[in-house]
């Protein structure tokens, strides 16, 4: 898959199909080293929505901090709420499968026409 590394976040936004944001994982810091990195140039703001493609999506595994402005949440291209919900259901399905209960759930759904 071709990719490009850029330090100009706003410049690449119009050209992307997806933006996958995440937060600094500072809980793994040994000496508060993450606090010495300024990531503000990579925050996704409401203004960025104006240059983001109409079919592009913004993803994030959550929880978030400042990397996505909450004003972006209502935009249909912000798919992180759906992403997290889908993740919940796939984890539930995996747990059911691991414990051999997936058939019982399937039978319950058939019986109750769900």
N, C-alpha and C. Protein backbone atom coordinates (compact mmCIF):
# COMPACT_ATOMS: atom_id res chain seq x y z
N UNK A 1 0.85 -1.17 0.00
CA UNK A 1 0.00 0.00 0.00
C UNK A 1 0.89 1.24 0.00
N UNK A 2 0.75 2.09 -0.98
CA UNK A 2 1.59 3.30 -1.00
C UNK A 2 1.20 4.25 0.13
N UNK A 3 2.18 4.93 0.64
CA UNK A 3 1.94 5.92 1.69
C UNK A 3 2.96 7.04 1.56
N UNK A 4 2.69 8.12 2.25
CA UNK A 4 3.58 9.27 2.24
C UNK A 4 3.74 9.77 3.66
N UNK A 5 4.94 10.10 4.03
CA UNK A 5 5.20 10.69 5.34
C UNK A 5 5.30 12.20 5.15
N UNK A 6 4.56 12.94 5.97
CA UNK A 6 4.56 14.40 5.85
C UNK A 6 4.53 15.01 7.24
N UNK A 7 5.11 16.16 7.35
CA UNK A 7 5.05 16.92 8.60
C UNK A 7 4.09 18.09 8.47
N UNK A 8 3.40 18.17 7.32
CA UNK A 8 2.43 19.22 7.08
C UNK A 8 1.03 18.60 7.03
N UNK A 9 0.44 18.46 8.21
CA UNK A 9 -0.85 17.78 8.36
C UNK A 9 -1.91 18.39 7.46
N UNK A 10 -2.09 19.70 7.53
CA UNK A 10 -3.15 20.37 6.77
C UNK A 10 -2.96 20.19 5.26
N UNK A 11 -1.73 20.09 4.80
CA UNK A 11 -1.46 19.94 3.37
C UNK A 11 -1.99 18.61 2.82
N UNK A 12 -1.92 17.55 3.60
CA UNK A 12 -2.32 16.23 3.09
C UNK A 12 -3.81 15.93 3.30
N UNK A 13 -4.48 16.65 4.16
CA UNK A 13 -5.89 16.37 4.47
C UNK A 13 -6.77 16.30 3.22
N UNK A 14 -6.66 17.20 2.26
CA UNK A 14 -7.55 17.12 1.08
C UNK A 14 -7.34 15.86 0.23
N UNK A 15 -6.20 15.21 0.37
CA UNK A 15 -5.85 14.09 -0.51
C UNK A 15 -6.11 12.71 0.09
N UNK A 16 -6.53 12.64 1.34
CA UNK A 16 -6.62 11.34 2.00
C UNK A 16 -8.02 10.74 1.90
N UNK A 17 -8.07 9.41 2.02
CA UNK A 17 -9.35 8.70 2.10
C UNK A 17 -9.76 8.49 3.56
N UNK A 18 -8.77 8.43 4.44
CA UNK A 18 -9.03 8.21 5.86
C UNK A 18 -7.95 8.88 6.70
N UNK A 19 -8.38 9.37 7.84
CA UNK A 19 -7.46 9.90 8.84
C UNK A 19 -7.66 9.07 10.09
N UNK A 20 -6.59 8.43 10.54
CA UNK A 20 -6.66 7.62 11.75
C UNK A 20 -5.88 8.36 12.82
N UNK A 21 -6.61 8.94 13.75
CA UNK A 21 -6.00 9.70 14.84
C UNK A 21 -5.86 8.78 16.06
N UNK A 22 -4.93 9.09 16.90
CA UNK A 22 -4.82 8.45 18.20
C UNK A 22 -4.14 9.43 19.15
N UNK A 23 -4.13 9.10 20.40
CA UNK A 23 -3.53 10.00 21.39
C UNK A 23 -2.13 9.51 21.75
N UNK A 24 -1.38 10.39 22.36
CA UNK A 24 -0.08 10.00 22.90
C UNK A 24 -0.34 9.03 24.06
N UNK A 25 0.33 7.91 24.04
CA UNK A 25 0.15 6.89 25.08
C UNK A 25 1.09 7.18 26.26
N UNK A 26 0.84 8.29 26.94
CA UNK A 26 1.76 8.73 27.99
C UNK A 26 1.71 7.88 29.26
N UNK A 27 0.75 6.98 29.35
CA UNK A 27 0.74 6.08 30.50
C UNK A 27 1.94 5.13 30.49
N UNK A 28 2.61 5.05 29.34
CA UNK A 28 3.79 4.20 29.22
C UNK A 28 5.09 4.98 29.43
N UNK A 29 4.98 6.29 29.66
CA UNK A 29 6.18 7.11 29.88
C UNK A 29 6.95 6.64 31.11
N UNK A 30 8.23 6.75 31.02
CA UNK A 30 9.10 6.44 32.16
C UNK A 30 9.44 7.72 32.90
N UNK A 31 9.70 8.79 32.14
CA UNK A 31 10.14 10.05 32.73
C UNK A 31 9.36 11.23 32.17
N UNK A 32 8.05 11.05 31.96
CA UNK A 32 7.18 12.12 31.44
C UNK A 32 7.66 12.66 30.10
N UNK A 33 8.32 11.80 29.31
CA UNK A 33 8.91 12.23 28.05
C UNK A 33 7.88 12.72 27.02
N UNK A 34 6.66 12.22 27.07
CA UNK A 34 5.63 12.64 26.10
C UNK A 34 5.27 14.11 26.26
N UNK A 35 5.41 14.63 27.45
CA UNK A 35 5.06 16.04 27.68
C UNK A 35 6.02 16.98 26.95
N UNK A 36 7.14 16.47 26.50
CA UNK A 36 8.12 17.30 25.79
C UNK A 36 7.85 17.35 24.28
N UNK A 37 6.81 16.66 23.82
CA UNK A 37 6.48 16.62 22.40
C UNK A 37 5.24 17.49 22.17
N UNK A 38 5.36 18.46 21.28
CA UNK A 38 4.23 19.32 20.95
C UNK A 38 3.51 18.72 19.74
N UNK A 39 2.33 18.17 19.96
CA UNK A 39 1.55 17.54 18.88
C UNK A 39 0.44 18.45 18.37
N UNK A 40 0.38 19.69 18.81
CA UNK A 40 -0.72 20.59 18.44
C UNK A 40 -0.85 20.77 16.94
N UNK A 41 0.23 20.68 16.19
CA UNK A 41 0.16 20.84 14.73
C UNK A 41 -0.60 19.69 14.07
N UNK A 42 -0.85 18.62 14.81
CA UNK A 42 -1.53 17.45 14.26
C UNK A 42 -2.94 17.26 14.82
N UNK A 43 -3.45 18.25 15.54
CA UNK A 43 -4.83 18.17 16.02
C UNK A 43 -5.78 18.36 14.84
N UNK A 44 -6.86 17.60 14.82
CA UNK A 44 -7.87 17.76 13.78
C UNK A 44 -8.94 18.70 14.31
N UNK A 45 -9.10 19.84 13.63
CA UNK A 45 -10.02 20.88 14.09
C UNK A 45 -11.26 20.95 13.20
N UNK A 46 -12.23 21.68 13.66
CA UNK A 46 -13.46 21.88 12.89
C UNK A 46 -13.15 22.52 11.53
N UNK A 47 -12.16 23.38 11.48
CA UNK A 47 -11.77 24.03 10.23
C UNK A 47 -11.24 23.02 9.21
N UNK A 48 -10.62 21.95 9.68
CA UNK A 48 -10.11 20.93 8.77
C UNK A 48 -11.24 20.22 8.00
N UNK A 49 -12.44 20.24 8.55
CA UNK A 49 -13.57 19.62 7.85
C UNK A 49 -13.81 20.26 6.49
N UNK A 50 -13.47 21.54 6.37
CA UNK A 50 -13.68 22.26 5.11
C UNK A 50 -12.77 21.76 3.99
N UNK A 51 -11.64 21.15 4.33
CA UNK A 51 -10.71 20.69 3.30
C UNK A 51 -10.66 19.16 3.21
N UNK A 52 -11.36 18.49 4.09
CA UNK A 52 -11.42 17.02 4.06
C UNK A 52 -12.37 16.57 2.95
N UNK A 53 -11.98 15.55 2.20
CA UNK A 53 -12.82 15.05 1.12
C UNK A 53 -14.20 14.62 1.61
N UNK A 54 -15.18 14.71 0.73
CA UNK A 54 -16.58 14.38 1.09
C UNK A 54 -16.76 12.91 1.48
N UNK A 55 -15.94 12.01 0.93
CA UNK A 55 -16.06 10.58 1.23
C UNK A 55 -14.99 10.09 2.20
N UNK A 56 -14.13 10.97 2.65
CA UNK A 56 -13.08 10.58 3.60
C UNK A 56 -13.69 10.33 4.97
N UNK A 57 -12.99 9.56 5.80
CA UNK A 57 -13.46 9.30 7.16
C UNK A 57 -12.37 9.67 8.17
N UNK A 58 -12.82 9.98 9.37
CA UNK A 58 -11.91 10.26 10.48
C UNK A 58 -12.14 9.16 11.50
N UNK A 59 -11.06 8.47 11.86
CA UNK A 59 -11.16 7.35 12.80
C UNK A 59 -10.32 7.65 14.04
N UNK A 60 -10.68 7.00 15.14
CA UNK A 60 -9.95 7.13 16.40
C UNK A 60 -10.37 5.97 17.30
N UNK A 61 -9.44 5.31 17.98
CA UNK A 61 -9.82 4.17 18.82
C UNK A 61 -10.44 4.58 20.16
N UNK A 62 -10.33 5.84 20.52
CA UNK A 62 -10.82 6.38 21.79
C UNK A 62 -10.14 5.67 22.98
N UNK A 63 -10.01 6.26 24.12
CA UNK A 63 -10.43 7.63 24.44
C UNK A 63 -9.52 8.65 23.77
N UNK A 64 -10.03 9.84 23.68
CA UNK A 64 -9.26 10.91 23.05
C UNK A 64 -8.99 12.01 24.06
N UNK A 65 -8.12 12.87 23.65
CA UNK A 65 -7.82 14.07 24.45
C UNK A 65 -8.07 15.28 23.56
N UNK A 66 -7.02 15.96 23.16
CA UNK A 66 -7.16 17.18 22.37
C UNK A 66 -6.97 16.96 20.88
N UNK A 67 -6.66 15.74 20.46
CA UNK A 67 -6.27 15.51 19.06
C UNK A 67 -7.42 15.65 18.07
N UNK A 68 -8.67 15.58 18.53
CA UNK A 68 -9.82 15.86 17.66
C UNK A 68 -10.74 16.81 18.42
N UNK A 69 -11.04 17.93 17.79
CA UNK A 69 -11.94 18.91 18.38
C UNK A 69 -13.34 18.28 18.52
N UNK A 70 -13.97 18.36 19.70
CA UNK A 70 -15.32 17.81 19.86
C UNK A 70 -16.33 18.38 18.87
N UNK A 71 -16.05 19.54 18.29
CA UNK A 71 -16.95 20.12 17.29
C UNK A 71 -16.99 19.28 16.01
N UNK A 72 -16.06 18.35 15.85
CA UNK A 72 -16.01 17.46 14.68
C UNK A 72 -16.98 16.28 14.86
N UNK A 73 -17.34 15.98 16.09
CA UNK A 73 -18.12 14.77 16.40
C UNK A 73 -19.41 14.61 15.60
N UNK A 74 -20.08 15.68 15.29
CA UNK A 74 -21.36 15.59 14.60
C UNK A 74 -21.25 15.41 13.09
N UNK A 75 -20.05 15.52 12.56
CA UNK A 75 -19.86 15.37 11.11
C UNK A 75 -20.00 13.91 10.72
N UNK A 76 -20.72 13.59 9.63
CA UNK A 76 -20.91 12.19 9.24
C UNK A 76 -19.60 11.48 8.88
N UNK A 77 -18.55 12.22 8.59
CA UNK A 77 -17.26 11.60 8.27
C UNK A 77 -16.51 11.17 9.52
N UNK A 78 -16.95 11.62 10.68
CA UNK A 78 -16.35 11.21 11.95
C UNK A 78 -16.97 9.87 12.33
N UNK A 79 -16.27 8.79 12.03
CA UNK A 79 -16.83 7.46 12.21
C UNK A 79 -16.33 6.76 13.47
N UNK A 80 -15.65 7.48 14.36
CA UNK A 80 -15.06 6.83 15.54
C UNK A 80 -16.10 6.30 16.51
N UNK A 81 -17.28 6.89 16.59
CA UNK A 81 -18.31 6.34 17.49
C UNK A 81 -18.78 4.98 16.94
N UNK A 82 -18.98 4.90 15.63
CA UNK A 82 -19.36 3.63 15.00
C UNK A 82 -18.22 2.62 15.11
N UNK A 83 -17.00 3.11 14.94
CA UNK A 83 -15.82 2.26 15.05
C UNK A 83 -15.76 1.60 16.44
N UNK A 84 -15.99 2.38 17.48
CA UNK A 84 -15.94 1.85 18.85
C UNK A 84 -17.11 0.90 19.10
N UNK A 85 -18.30 1.25 18.61
CA UNK A 85 -19.46 0.37 18.77
C UNK A 85 -19.22 -0.96 18.06
N UNK A 86 -18.71 -0.92 16.85
CA UNK A 86 -18.42 -2.16 16.13
C UNK A 86 -17.38 -2.99 16.86
N UNK A 87 -16.39 -2.32 17.44
CA UNK A 87 -15.37 -3.03 18.22
C UNK A 87 -15.98 -3.73 19.42
N UNK A 88 -16.96 -3.09 20.06
CA UNK A 88 -17.63 -3.71 21.20
C UNK A 88 -18.32 -5.00 20.76
N UNK A 89 -19.04 -4.95 19.63
CA UNK A 89 -19.78 -6.12 19.18
C UNK A 89 -18.84 -7.25 18.73
N UNK A 90 -17.73 -6.90 18.10
CA UNK A 90 -16.82 -7.96 17.69
C UNK A 90 -16.16 -8.60 18.91
N UNK A 91 -15.85 -7.81 19.94
CA UNK A 91 -15.29 -8.40 21.18
C UNK A 91 -16.33 -9.30 21.85
N UNK A 92 -17.60 -8.88 21.84
CA UNK A 92 -18.65 -9.73 22.42
C UNK A 92 -18.76 -11.04 21.65
N UNK A 93 -18.70 -10.97 20.32
CA UNK A 93 -18.78 -12.19 19.51
C UNK A 93 -17.59 -13.10 19.77
N UNK A 94 -16.41 -12.54 19.92
CA UNK A 94 -15.22 -13.35 20.20
C UNK A 94 -15.32 -14.03 21.56
N UNK A 95 -15.82 -13.31 22.56
CA UNK A 95 -15.98 -13.89 23.90
C UNK A 95 -17.00 -15.03 23.85
N UNK A 96 -18.13 -14.81 23.17
CA UNK A 96 -19.13 -15.87 23.02
C UNK A 96 -18.52 -17.09 22.34
N UNK A 97 -17.75 -16.87 21.30
CA UNK A 97 -17.13 -17.97 20.58
C UNK A 97 -16.11 -18.71 21.45
N UNK A 98 -15.30 -17.98 22.17
CA UNK A 98 -14.28 -18.59 23.04
C UNK A 98 -14.93 -19.50 24.07
N UNK A 99 -16.06 -19.06 24.62
CA UNK A 99 -16.74 -19.84 25.66
C UNK A 99 -17.79 -20.79 25.09
N UNK A 100 -17.86 -20.88 23.76
CA UNK A 100 -18.76 -21.83 23.13
C UNK A 100 -20.23 -21.48 23.29
N UNK A 101 -20.55 -20.22 23.45
CA UNK A 101 -21.94 -19.80 23.66
C UNK A 101 -22.57 -19.19 22.41
N UNK A 102 -21.83 -19.11 21.32
CA UNK A 102 -22.36 -18.45 20.13
C UNK A 102 -23.60 -19.16 19.59
N UNK A 103 -23.64 -20.47 19.67
CA UNK A 103 -24.82 -21.21 19.22
C UNK A 103 -26.05 -20.90 20.05
N UNK A 104 -25.87 -20.75 21.36
CA UNK A 104 -27.00 -20.43 22.24
C UNK A 104 -27.58 -19.06 21.90
N UNK A 105 -26.73 -18.11 21.60
CA UNK A 105 -27.20 -16.78 21.22
C UNK A 105 -27.93 -16.85 19.89
N UNK A 106 -27.39 -17.60 18.94
CA UNK A 106 -28.02 -17.75 17.63
C UNK A 106 -29.40 -18.38 17.79
N UNK A 107 -29.51 -19.44 18.62
CA UNK A 107 -30.80 -20.10 18.86
C UNK A 107 -31.79 -19.15 19.50
N UNK A 108 -31.32 -18.37 20.47
CA UNK A 108 -32.18 -17.38 21.16
C UNK A 108 -32.74 -16.38 20.15
N UNK A 109 -31.88 -15.90 19.27
CA UNK A 109 -32.30 -14.90 18.27
C UNK A 109 -33.32 -15.50 17.31
N UNK A 110 -33.10 -16.74 16.88
CA UNK A 110 -34.07 -17.39 16.00
C UNK A 110 -35.40 -17.57 16.68
N UNK A 111 -35.35 -18.03 17.94
CA UNK A 111 -36.58 -18.30 18.71
C UNK A 111 -37.38 -17.02 18.92
N UNK A 112 -36.71 -15.89 19.12
CA UNK A 112 -37.38 -14.63 19.40
C UNK A 112 -37.45 -13.73 18.17
N UNK A 113 -37.11 -14.29 17.02
CA UNK A 113 -37.17 -13.58 15.74
C UNK A 113 -36.41 -12.26 15.79
N UNK A 114 -35.21 -12.29 16.34
CA UNK A 114 -34.37 -11.08 16.41
C UNK A 114 -33.41 -11.03 15.25
